[in-house]
Amino acid sequence: MQNPHCETANNQKRRGAIAVLSSLCLVVVVAFLAFSVDFGYIVVAESELQNAADAGALSGARALHYGRNHAINAAVLWAEKNVAAGENVDLVSAEDVEIGVWN
């Protein structure tokens, strides 16, 4: 019968394997953590941009009875009062604002 505390040739080959495996697992866990933080930031920025678009659409719709140009200016004004991803929302009125008919 062998003494369980004696190191055999097989145990010497396996020595340190846990350190390598745990370091690889730690890298994977940190990568998932970084991905989840970045994904959360993207979702928050997207909702802030949607809020800016909604504010512009509502103000543009309210100002539509004063004319097309007034509605576009109101939409740009109120959309640009919002912040998304830590920066002010910037619109190009000719490209970013569309007026149409919905049915």
PDB file of N, CA and C in Angstrom:
ATOM      1  N   MET A   1       0.842  -1.174   0.000  1.00  0.00           N
ATOM      2  CA  MET A   1       0.000   0.000   0.000  1.00  0.00           C
ATOM      3  C   MET A   1       0.889   1.240   0.000  1.00  0.00           C
ATOM      4  N   GLN A   2       0.515   2.202  -0.833  1.00  0.00           N
ATOM      5  CA  GLN A   2       1.306   3.417  -0.940  1.00  0.00           C
ATOM      6  C   GLN A   2       0.833   4.456   0.068  1.00  0.00           C
ATOM      7  N   ASN A   3       1.767   5.269   0.468  1.00  0.00           N
ATOM      8  CA  ASN A   3       1.447   6.383   1.346  1.00  0.00           C
ATOM      9  C   ASN A   3       0.777   7.478   0.510  1.00  0.00           C
ATOM     10  N   PRO A   4      -0.420   7.964   0.900  1.00  0.00           N
ATOM     11  CA  PRO A   4      -1.104   8.960   0.073  1.00  0.00           C
ATOM     12  C   PRO A   4      -0.385  10.294   0.031  1.00  0.00           C
ATOM     13  N   HIS A   5       0.528  10.520   0.951  1.00  0.00           N
ATOM     14  CA  HIS A   5       1.231  11.800   0.974  1.00  0.00           C
ATOM     15  C   HIS A   5       2.483  11.793   0.103  1.00  0.00           C
ATOM     16  N   CYS A   6       2.858  10.655  -0.390  1.00  0.00           N
ATOM     17  CA  CYS A   6       4.028  10.577  -1.276  1.00  0.00           C
ATOM     18  C   CYS A   6       3.648  11.070  -2.665  1.00  0.00           C
ATOM     19  N   GLU A   7       4.569  11.765  -3.259  1.00  0.00           N
ATOM     20  CA  GLU A   7       4.320  12.232  -4.609  1.00  0.00           C
ATOM     21  C   GLU A   7       4.810  11.185  -5.593  1.00  0.00           C
ATOM     22  N   THR A   8       3.935  10.845  -6.491  1.00  0.00           N
ATOM     23  CA  THR A   8       4.307   9.900  -7.531  1.00  0.00           C
ATOM     24  C   THR A   8       4.639  10.670  -8.795  1.00  0.00           C
ATOM     25  N   ALA A   9       5.088   9.958  -9.803  1.00  0.00           N
ATOM     26  CA  ALA A   9       5.437  10.599 -11.072  1.00  0.00           C
ATOM     27  C   ALA A   9       4.216  11.243 -11.713  1.00  0.00           C
ATOM     28  N   ASN A  10       3.039  10.615 -11.564  1.00  0.00           N
ATOM     29  CA  ASN A  10       1.815  11.165 -12.151  1.00  0.00           C
ATOM     30  C   ASN A  10       1.418  12.473 -11.466  1.00  0.00           C
ATOM     31  N   ASN A  11       1.548  12.542 -10.159  1.00  0.00           N
ATOM     32  CA  ASN A  11       1.198  13.767  -9.442  1.00  0.00           C
ATOM     33  C   ASN A  11       2.162  14.904  -9.779  1.00  0.00           C
ATOM     34  N   GLN A  12       3.417  14.578 -10.025  1.00  0.00           N
ATOM     35  CA  GLN A  12       4.383  15.623 -10.364  1.00  0.00           C
ATOM     36  C   GLN A  12       4.076  16.232 -11.730  1.00  0.00           C
ATOM     37  N   LYS A  13       3.532  15.455 -12.657  1.00  0.00           N
ATOM     38  CA  LYS A  13       3.156  15.988 -13.964  1.00  0.00           C
ATOM     39  C   LYS A  13       1.962  16.929 -13.863  1.00  0.00           C
ATOM     40  N   ARG A  14       1.073  16.685 -12.913  1.00  0.00           N
ATOM     41  CA  ARG A  14      -0.158  17.449 -12.790  1.00  0.00           C
ATOM     42  C   ARG A  14       0.002  18.667 -11.885  1.00  0.00           C
ATOM     43  N   ARG A  15       1.115  18.790 -11.250  1.00  0.00           N
ATOM     44  CA  ARG A  15       1.319  19.880 -10.308  1.00  0.00           C
ATOM     45  C   ARG A  15       1.258  21.238 -11.037  1.00  0.00           C
ATOM     46  N   GLY A  16       0.469  22.156 -10.532  1.00  0.00           N
ATOM     47  CA  GLY A  16       0.328  23.469 -11.136  1.00  0.00           C
ATOM     48  C   GLY A  16      -0.746  23.561 -12.199  1.00  0.00           C
ATOM     49  N   ALA A  17      -1.430  22.468 -12.489  1.00  0.00           N
ATOM     50  CA  ALA A  17      -2.472  22.490 -13.518  1.00  0.00           C
ATOM     51  C   ALA A  17      -3.654  23.349 -13.080  1.00  0.00           C
ATOM     52  N   ILE A  18      -3.955  23.363 -11.802  1.00  0.00           N
ATOM     53  CA  ILE A  18      -5.073  24.162 -11.307  1.00  0.00           C
ATOM     54  C   ILE A  18      -4.788  25.653 -11.493  1.00  0.00           C
ATOM     55  N   ALA A  19      -3.551  26.062 -11.298  1.00  0.00           N
ATOM     56  CA  ALA A  19      -3.207  27.473 -11.476  1.00  0.00           C
ATOM     57  C   ALA A  19      -3.433  27.912 -12.925  1.00  0.00           C
ATOM     58  N   VAL A  20      -3.067  27.076 -13.861  1.00  0.00           N
ATOM     59  CA  VAL A  20      -3.248  27.396 -15.279  1.00  0.00           C
ATOM     60  C   VAL A  20      -4.735  27.436 -15.620  1.00  0.00           C
ATOM     61  N   LEU A  21      -5.481  26.455 -15.171  1.00  0.00           N
ATOM     62  CA  LEU A  21      -6.913  26.409 -15.461  1.00  0.00           C
ATOM     63  C   LEU A  21      -7.655  27.568 -14.811  1.00  0.00           C
ATOM     64  N   SER A  22      -7.294  27.889 -13.581  1.00  0.00           N
ATOM     65  CA  SER A  22      -7.985  28.999 -12.915  1.00  0.00           C
ATOM     66  C   SER A  22      -7.639  30.335 -13.567  1.00  0.00           C
ATOM     67  N   SER A  23      -6.429  30.502 -14.048  1.00  0.00           N
ATOM     68  CA  SER A  23      -6.085  31.754 -14.736  1.00  0.00           C
ATOM     69  C   SER A  23      -6.829  31.869 -16.063  1.00  0.00           C
ATOM     70  N   LEU A  24      -6.995  30.766 -16.765  1.00  0.00           N
ATOM     71  CA  LEU A  24      -7.776  30.799 -18.006  1.00  0.00           C
ATOM     72  C   LEU A  24      -9.240  31.107 -17.723  1.00  0.00           C
ATOM     73  N   CYS A  25      -9.783  30.516 -16.674  1.00  0.00           N
ATOM     74  CA  CYS A  25     -11.175  30.790 -16.308  1.00  0.00           C
ATOM     75  C   CYS A  25     -11.343  32.242 -15.875  1.00  0.00           C
ATOM     76  N   LEU A  26     -10.355  32.782 -15.191  1.00  0.00           N
ATOM     77  CA  LEU A  26     -10.424  34.178 -14.766  1.00  0.00           C
ATOM     78  C   LEU A  26     -10.442  35.122 -15.971  1.00  0.00           C
ATOM     79  N   VAL A  27      -9.671  34.802 -16.984  1.00  0.00           N
ATOM     80  CA  VAL A  27      -9.668  35.613 -18.203  1.00  0.00           C
ATOM     81  C   VAL A  27     -11.048  35.586 -18.856  1.00  0.00           C
ATOM     82  N   VAL A  28     -11.676  34.439 -18.912  1.00  0.00           N
ATOM     83  CA  VAL A  28     -13.008  34.317 -19.505  1.00  0.00           C
ATOM     84  C   VAL A  28     -14.036  35.104 -18.693  1.00  0.00           C
ATOM     85  N   VAL A  29     -13.968  35.004 -17.382  1.00  0.00           N
ATOM     86  CA  VAL A  29     -14.911  35.727 -16.520  1.00  0.00           C
ATOM     87  C   VAL A  29     -14.741  37.237 -16.684  1.00  0.00           C
ATOM     88  N   VAL A  30     -13.524  37.720 -16.740  1.00  0.00           N
ATOM     89  CA  VAL A  30     -13.278  39.155 -16.921  1.00  0.00           C
ATOM     90  C   VAL A  30     -13.769  39.608 -18.300  1.00  0.00           C
ATOM     91  N   ALA A  31     -13.606  38.774 -19.309  1.00  0.00           N
ATOM     92  CA  ALA A  31     -14.096  39.119 -20.649  1.00  0.00           C
ATOM     93  C   ALA A  31     -15.618  39.229 -20.658  1.00  0.00           C
ATOM     94  N   PHE A  32     -16.306  38.295 -20.004  1.00  0.00           N
ATOM     95  CA  PHE A  32     -17.762  38.381 -19.917  1.00  0.00           C
ATOM     96  C   PHE A  32     -18.203  39.603 -19.126  1.00  0.00           C
ATOM     97  N   LEU A  33     -17.492  39.942 -18.095  1.00  0.00           N
ATOM     98  CA  LEU A  33     -17.811  41.126 -17.305  1.00  0.00           C
ATOM     99  C   LEU A  33     -17.661  42.396 -18.141  1.00  0.00           C
ATOM    100  N   ALA A  34     -16.585  42.481 -18.899  1.00  0.00           N
ATOM    101  CA  ALA A  34     -16.374  43.650 -19.758  1.00  0.00           C
ATOM    102  C   ALA A  34     -17.462  43.742 -20.829  1.00  0.00           C
ATOM    103  N   PHE A  35     -17.829  42.610 -21.402  1.00  0.00           N
ATOM    104  CA  PHE A  35     -18.887  42.598 -22.412  1.00  0.00           C
ATOM    105  C   PHE A  35     -20.211  43.043 -21.813  1.00  0.00           C
ATOM    106  N   SER A  36     -20.537  42.576 -20.621  1.00  0.00           N
ATOM    107  CA  SER A  36     -21.812  42.946 -20.015  1.00  0.00           C
ATOM    108  C   SER A  36     -21.852  44.432 -19.670  1.00  0.00           C
ATOM    109  N   VAL A  37     -20.737  45.000 -19.221  1.00  0.00           N
ATOM    110  CA  VAL A  37     -20.695  46.434 -18.935  1.00  0.00           C
ATOM    111  C   VAL A  37     -20.851  47.241 -20.222  1.00  0.00           C
ATOM    112  N   ASP A  38     -20.163  46.850 -21.285  1.00  0.00           N
ATOM    113  CA  ASP A  38     -20.279  47.551 -22.561  1.00  0.00           C
ATOM    114  C   ASP A  38     -21.685  47.427 -23.140  1.00  0.00           C
ATOM    115  N   PHE A  39     -22.275  46.257 -23.029  1.00  0.00           N
ATOM    116  CA  PHE A  39     -23.629  46.052 -23.542  1.00  0.00           C
ATOM    117  C   PHE A  39     -24.625  46.903 -22.764  1.00  0.00           C
ATOM    118  N   GLY A  40     -24.461  47.003 -21.462  1.00  0.00           N
ATOM    119  CA  GLY A  40     -25.325  47.855 -20.654  1.00  0.00           C
ATOM    120  C   GLY A  40     -25.201  49.313 -21.049  1.00  0.00           C
ATOM    121  N   TYR A  41     -23.992  49.754 -21.339  1.00  0.00           N
ATOM    122  CA  TYR A  41     -23.762  51.136 -21.782  1.00  0.00           C
ATOM    123  C   TYR A  41     -24.454  51.396 -23.116  1.00  0.00           C
ATOM    124  N   ILE A  42     -24.401  50.428 -24.012  1.00  0.00           N
ATOM    125  CA  ILE A  42     -25.049  50.566 -25.322  1.00  0.00           C
ATOM    126  C   ILE A  42     -26.563  50.663 -25.159  1.00  0.00           C
ATOM    127  N   VAL A  43     -27.132  49.853 -24.286  1.00  0.00           N
ATOM    128  CA  VAL A  43     -28.578  49.868 -24.072  1.00  0.00           C
ATOM    129  C   VAL A  43     -29.021  51.205 -23.479  1.00  0.00           C
ATOM    130  N   VAL A  44     -28.257  51.731 -22.532  1.00  0.00           N
ATOM    131  CA  VAL A  44     -28.602  53.025 -21.934  1.00  0.00           C
ATOM    132  C   VAL A  44     -28.492  54.141 -22.971  1.00  0.00           C
ATOM    133  N   ALA A  45     -27.437  54.133 -23.770  1.00  0.00           N
ATOM    134  CA  ALA A  45     -27.278  55.162 -24.808  1.00  0.00           C
ATOM    135  C   ALA A  45     -28.404  55.083 -25.833  1.00  0.00           C
ATOM    136  N   GLU A  46     -28.813  53.870 -26.173  1.00  0.00           N
ATOM    137  CA  GLU A  46     -29.901  53.702 -27.128  1.00  0.00           C
ATOM    138  C   GLU A  46     -31.220  54.259 -26.577  1.00  0.00           C
ATOM    139  N   SER A  47     -31.489  54.023 -25.306  1.00  0.00           N
ATOM    140  CA  SER A  47     -32.721  54.552 -24.722  1.00  0.00           C
ATOM    141  C   SER A  47     -32.669  56.076 -24.603  1.00  0.00           C
ATOM    142  N   GLU A  48     -31.492  56.637 -24.343  1.00  0.00           N
ATOM    143  CA  GLU A  48     -31.364  58.096 -24.305  1.00  0.00           C
ATOM    144  C   GLU A  48     -31.576  58.700 -25.691  1.00  0.00           C
ATOM    145  N   LEU A  49     -31.069  58.057 -26.722  1.00  0.00           N
ATOM    146  CA  LEU A  49     -31.300  58.530 -28.089  1.00  0.00           C
ATOM    147  C   LEU A  49     -32.772  58.423 -28.478  1.00  0.00           C
ATOM    148  N   GLN A  50     -33.443  57.365 -28.012  1.00  0.00           N
ATOM    149  CA  GLN A  50     -34.868  57.225 -28.282  1.00  0.00           C
ATOM    150  C   GLN A  50     -35.660  58.323 -27.584  1.00  0.00           C
ATOM    151  N   ASN A  51     -35.259  58.680 -26.368  1.00  0.00           N
ATOM    152  CA  ASN A  51     -35.914  59.789 -25.670  1.00  0.00           C
ATOM    153  C   ASN A  51     -35.746  61.096 -26.437  1.00  0.00           C
ATOM    154  N   ALA A  52     -34.565  61.327 -26.981  1.00  0.00           N
ATOM    155  CA  ALA A  52     -34.330  62.543 -27.770  1.00  0.00           C
ATOM    156  C   ALA A  52     -35.192  62.549 -29.032  1.00  0.00           C
ATOM    157  N   ALA A  53     -35.291  61.400 -29.676  1.00  0.00           N
ATOM    158  CA  ALA A  53     -36.121  61.313 -30.883  1.00  0.00           C
ATOM    159  C   ALA A  53     -37.593  61.535 -30.552  1.00  0.00           C
ATOM    160  N   ASP A  54     -38.052  60.978 -29.440  1.00  0.00           N
ATOM    161  CA  ASP A  54     -39.443  61.175 -29.030  1.00  0.00           C
ATOM    162  C   ASP A  54     -39.729  62.633 -28.694  1.00  0.00           C
ATOM    163  N   ALA A  55     -38.792  63.286 -28.011  1.00  0.00           N
ATOM    164  CA  ALA A  55     -38.979  64.702 -27.681  1.00  0.00           C
ATOM    165  C   ALA A  55     -39.051  65.548 -28.941  1.00  0.00           C
ATOM    166  N   GLY A  56     -38.186  65.258 -29.905  1.00  0.00           N
ATOM    167  CA  GLY A  56     -38.215  65.993 -31.165  1.00  0.00           C
ATOM    168  C   GLY A  56     -39.494  65.741 -31.946  1.00  0.00           C
ATOM    169  N   ALA A  57     -39.949  64.498 -31.954  1.00  0.00           N
ATOM    170  CA  ALA A  57     -41.168  64.169 -32.698  1.00  0.00           C
ATOM    171  C   ALA A  57     -42.391  64.838 -32.084  1.00  0.00           C
ATOM    172  N   LEU A  58     -42.478  64.814 -30.766  1.00  0.00           N
ATOM    173  CA  LEU A  58     -43.628  65.444 -30.115  1.00  0.00           C
ATOM    174  C   LEU A  58     -43.648  66.954 -30.306  1.00  0.00           C
ATOM    175  N   SER A  59     -42.498  67.587 -30.156  1.00  0.00           N
ATOM    176  CA  SER A  59     -42.467  69.044 -30.323  1.00  0.00           C
ATOM    177  C   SER A  59     -42.684  69.429 -31.788  1.00  0.00           C
ATOM    178  N   GLY A  60     -42.163  68.637 -32.696  1.00  0.00           N
ATOM    179  CA  GLY A  60     -42.399  68.907 -34.115  1.00  0.00           C
ATOM    180  C   GLY A  60     -43.863  68.731 -34.489  1.00  0.00           C
ATOM    181  N   ALA A  61     -44.515  67.740 -33.919  1.00  0.00           N
ATOM    182  CA  ALA A  61     -45.936  67.517 -34.202  1.00  0.00           C
ATOM    183  C   ALA A  61     -46.787  68.652 -33.640  1.00  0.00           C
ATOM    184  N   ARG A  62     -46.406  69.144 -32.452  1.00  0.00           N
ATOM    185  CA  ARG A  62     -47.165  70.264 -31.872  1.00  0.00           C
ATOM    186  C   ARG A  62     -47.001  71.548 -32.688  1.00  0.00           C
ATOM    187  N   ALA A  63     -45.835  71.732 -33.282  1.00  0.00           N
ATOM    188  CA  ALA A  63     -45.573  72.970 -34.035  1.00  0.00           C
ATOM    189  C   ALA A  63     -45.938  72.855 -35.502  1.00  0.00           C
ATOM    190  N   LEU A  64     -46.457  71.717 -35.922  1.00  0.00           N
ATOM    191  CA  LEU A  64     -46.733  71.490 -37.337  1.00  0.00           C
ATOM    192  C   LEU A  64     -47.810  72.429 -37.886  1.00  0.00           C
ATOM    193  N   HIS A  65     -48.739  72.852 -37.060  1.00  0.00           N
ATOM    194  CA  HIS A  65     -49.797  73.723 -37.580  1.00  0.00           C
ATOM    195  C   HIS A  65     -49.283  75.137 -37.864  1.00  0.00           C
ATOM    196  N   TYR A  66     -48.053  75.466 -37.428  1.00  0.00           N
ATOM    197  CA  TYR A  66     -47.449  76.756 -37.772  1.00  0.00           C
ATOM    198  C   TYR A  66     -46.689  76.702 -39.092  1.00  0.00           C
ATOM    199  N   GLY A  67     -46.497  75.512 -39.604  1.00  0.00           N
ATOM    200  CA  GLY A  67     -45.789  75.365 -40.874  1.00  0.00           C
ATOM    201  C   GLY A  67     -44.671  74.330 -40.785  1.00  0.00           C
ATOM    202  N   ARG A  68     -44.248  73.905 -41.946  1.00  0.00           N
ATOM    203  CA  ARG A  68     -43.238  72.848 -42.040  1.00  0.00           C
ATOM    204  C   ARG A  68     -41.895  73.275 -41.429  1.00  0.00           C
ATOM    205  N   ASN A  69     -41.408  74.455 -41.777  1.00  0.00           N
ATOM    206  CA  ASN A  69     -40.106  74.900 -41.270  1.00  0.00           C
ATOM    207  C   ASN A  69     -40.126  75.108 -39.757  1.00  0.00           C
ATOM    208  N   HIS A  70     -41.236  75.624 -39.253  1.00  0.00           N
ATOM    209  CA  HIS A  70     -41.356  75.819 -37.807  1.00  0.00           C
ATOM    210  C   HIS A  70     -41.348  74.467 -37.079  1.00  0.00           C
ATOM    211  N   ALA A  71     -41.990  73.478 -37.665  1.00  0.00           N
ATOM    212  CA  ALA A  71     -42.017  72.142 -37.064  1.00  0.00           C
ATOM    213  C   ALA A  71     -40.619  71.513 -37.052  1.00  0.00           C
ATOM    214  N   ILE A  72     -39.885  71.679 -38.131  1.00  0.00           N
ATOM    215  CA  ILE A  72     -38.524  71.135 -38.190  1.00  0.00           C
ATOM    216  C   ILE A  72     -37.629  71.829 -37.168  1.00  0.00           C
ATOM    217  N   ASN A  73     -37.737  73.147 -37.079  1.00  0.00           N
ATOM    218  CA  ASN A  73     -36.923  73.878 -36.097  1.00  0.00           C
ATOM    219  C   ASN A  73     -37.264  73.484 -34.669  1.00  0.00           C
ATOM    220  N   ALA A  74     -38.542  73.298 -34.371  1.00  0.00           N
ATOM    221  CA  ALA A  74     -38.948  72.881 -33.027  1.00  0.00           C
ATOM    222  C   ALA A  74     -38.446  71.479 -32.716  1.00  0.00           C
ATOM    223  N   ALA A  75     -38.526  70.590 -33.689  1.00  0.00           N
ATOM    224  CA  ALA A  75     -38.053  69.217 -33.478  1.00  0.00           C
ATOM    225  C   ALA A  75     -36.556  69.191 -33.195  1.00  0.00           C
ATOM    226  N   VAL A  76     -35.798  69.952 -33.952  1.00  0.00           N
ATOM    227  CA  VAL A  76     -34.347  70.009 -33.747  1.00  0.00           C
ATOM    228  C   VAL A  76     -34.022  70.643 -32.402  1.00  0.00           C
ATOM    229  N   LEU A  77     -34.712  71.717 -32.066  1.00  0.00           N
ATOM    230  CA  LEU A  77     -34.462  72.419 -30.807  1.00  0.00           C
ATOM    231  C   LEU A  77     -34.669  71.506 -29.606  1.00  0.00           C
ATOM    232  N   TRP A  78     -35.796  70.808 -29.565  1.00  0.00           N
ATOM    233  CA  TRP A  78     -36.091  69.977 -28.398  1.00  0.00           C
ATOM    234  C   TRP A  78     -35.317  68.662 -28.395  1.00  0.00           C
ATOM    235  N   ALA A  79     -34.972  68.145 -29.548  1.00  0.00           N
ATOM    236  CA  ALA A  79     -34.156  66.930 -29.587  1.00  0.00           C
ATOM    237  C   ALA A  79     -32.738  67.223 -29.112  1.00  0.00           C
ATOM    238  N   GLU A  80     -32.224  68.402 -29.450  1.00  0.00           N
ATOM    239  CA  GLU A  80     -30.860  68.762 -29.066  1.00  0.00           C
ATOM    240  C   GLU A  80     -30.730  69.147 -27.593  1.00  0.00           C
ATOM    241  N   LYS A  81     -31.839  69.288 -26.887  1.00  0.00           N
ATOM    242  CA  LYS A  81     -31.772  69.564 -25.455  1.00  0.00           C
ATOM    243  C   LYS A  81     -31.492  68.305 -24.640  1.00  0.00           C
ATOM    244  N   ASN A  82     -31.381  67.171 -25.300  1.00  0.00           N
ATOM    245  CA  ASN A  82     -31.126  65.895 -24.633  1.00  0.00           C
ATOM    246  C   ASN A  82     -29.650  65.531 -24.690  1.00  0.00           C
ATOM    247  N   VAL A  83     -29.276  64.614 -23.794  1.00  0.00           N
ATOM    248  CA  VAL A  83     -27.907  64.103 -23.723  1.00  0.00           C
ATOM    249  C   VAL A  83     -27.960  62.593 -23.903  1.00  0.00           C
ATOM    250  N   ALA A  84     -27.082  62.069 -24.741  1.00  0.00           N
ATOM    251  CA  ALA A  84     -26.987  60.624 -24.946  1.00  0.00           C
ATOM    252  C   ALA A  84     -25.523  60.215 -24.884  1.00  0.00           C
ATOM    253  N   ALA A  85     -25.236  59.219 -24.082  1.00  0.00           N
ATOM    254  CA  ALA A  85     -23.878  58.687 -23.897  1.00  0.00           C
ATOM    255  C   ALA A  85     -22.917  59.768 -23.413  1.00  0.00           C
ATOM    256  N   GLY A  86     -23.434  60.676 -22.598  1.00  0.00           N
ATOM    257  CA  GLY A  86     -22.592  61.712 -22.017  1.00  0.00           C
ATOM    258  C   GLY A  86     -22.310  62.893 -22.918  1.00  0.00           C
ATOM    259  N   GLU A  87     -22.904  62.925 -24.092  1.00  0.00           N
ATOM    260  CA  GLU A  87     -22.685  64.026 -25.032  1.00  0.00           C
ATOM    261  C   GLU A  87     -24.021  64.579 -25.497  1.00  0.00           C
ATOM    262  N   ASN A  88     -24.023  65.835 -25.882  1.00  0.00           N
ATOM    263  CA  ASN A  88     -25.243  66.455 -26.378  1.00  0.00           C
ATOM    264  C   ASN A  88     -25.646  65.826 -27.706  1.00  0.00           C
ATOM    265  N   VAL A  89     -26.943  65.688 -27.901  1.00  0.00           N
ATOM    266  CA  VAL A  89     -27.459  65.169 -29.165  1.00  0.00           C
ATOM    267  C   VAL A  89     -27.345  66.272 -30.204  1.00  0.00           C
ATOM    268  N   ASP A  90     -26.806  65.947 -31.364  1.00  0.00           N
ATOM    269  CA  ASP A  90     -26.608  66.922 -32.429  1.00  0.00           C
ATOM    270  C   ASP A  90     -27.344  66.433 -33.674  1.00  0.00           C
ATOM    271  N   LEU A  91     -28.226  67.265 -34.204  1.00  0.00           N
ATOM    272  CA  LEU A  91     -29.011  66.891 -35.373  1.00  0.00           C
ATOM    273  C   LEU A  91     -28.658  67.774 -36.559  1.00  0.00           C
ATOM    274  N   VAL A  92     -28.787  67.204 -37.730  1.00  0.00           N
ATOM    275  CA  VAL A  92     -28.713  67.956 -38.976  1.00  0.00           C
ATOM    276  C   VAL A  92     -30.140  67.973 -39.497  1.00  0.00           C
ATOM    277  N   SER A  93     -30.774  69.129 -39.436  1.00  0.00           N
ATOM    278  CA  SER A  93     -32.228  69.198 -39.665  1.00  0.00           C
ATOM    279  C   SER A  93     -32.645  68.675 -41.037  1.00  0.00           C
ATOM    280  N   ALA A  94     -31.869  68.940 -42.062  1.00  0.00           N
ATOM    281  CA  ALA A  94     -32.255  68.510 -43.405  1.00  0.00           C
ATOM    282  C   ALA A  94     -32.197  66.985 -43.548  1.00  0.00           C
ATOM    283  N   GLU A  95     -31.338  66.338 -42.786  1.00  0.00           N
ATOM    284  CA  GLU A  95     -31.173  64.891 -42.924  1.00  0.00           C
ATOM    285  C   GLU A  95     -31.877  64.093 -41.832  1.00  0.00           C
ATOM    286  N   ASP A  96     -31.968  64.648 -40.634  1.00  0.00           N
ATOM    287  CA  ASP A  96     -32.451  63.878 -39.497  1.00  0.00           C
ATOM    288  C   ASP A  96     -33.942  64.030 -39.224  1.00  0.00           C
ATOM    289  N   VAL A  97     -34.557  65.034 -39.746  1.00  0.00           N
ATOM    290  CA  VAL A  97     -35.987  65.271 -39.488  1.00  0.00           C
ATOM    291  C   VAL A  97     -36.758  64.981 -40.758  1.00  0.00           C
ATOM    292  N   GLU A  98     -37.733  64.086 -40.648  1.00  0.00           N
ATOM    293  CA  GLU A  98     -38.586  63.749 -41.785  1.00  0.00           C
ATOM    294  C   GLU A  98     -40.028  64.092 -41.452  1.00  0.00           C
ATOM    295  N   ILE A  99     -40.700  64.710 -42.375  1.00  0.00           N
ATOM    296  CA  ILE A  99     -42.123  65.002 -42.208  1.00  0.00           C
ATOM    297  C   ILE A  99     -42.871  64.204 -43.258  1.00  0.00           C
ATOM    298  N   GLY A 100     -43.850  63.466 -42.817  1.00  0.00           N
ATOM    299  CA  GLY A 100     -44.610  62.633 -43.742  1.00  0.00           C
ATOM    300  C   GLY A 100     -46.008  62.415 -43.247  1.00  0.00           C
ATOM    301  N   VAL A 101     -46.737  61.548 -43.922  1.00  0.00           N
ATOM    302  CA  VAL A 101     -48.117  61.221 -43.582  1.00  0.00           C
ATOM    303  C   VAL A 101     -48.154  59.772 -43.127  1.00  0.00           C
ATOM    304  N   TRP A 102     -48.819  59.554 -42.018  1.00  0.00           N
ATOM    305  CA  TRP A 102     -48.946  58.201 -41.483  1.00  0.00           C
ATOM    306  C   TRP A 102     -50.398  57.789 -41.572  1.00  0.00           C
ATOM    307  N   ASN A 103     -50.651  56.609 -42.063  1.00  0.00           N
ATOM    308  CA  ASN A 103     -52.029  56.130 -42.076  1.00  0.00           C
ATOM    309  C   ASN A 103     -52.097  54.666 -41.751  1.00  0.00           C
TER     310      ASN A 103
END
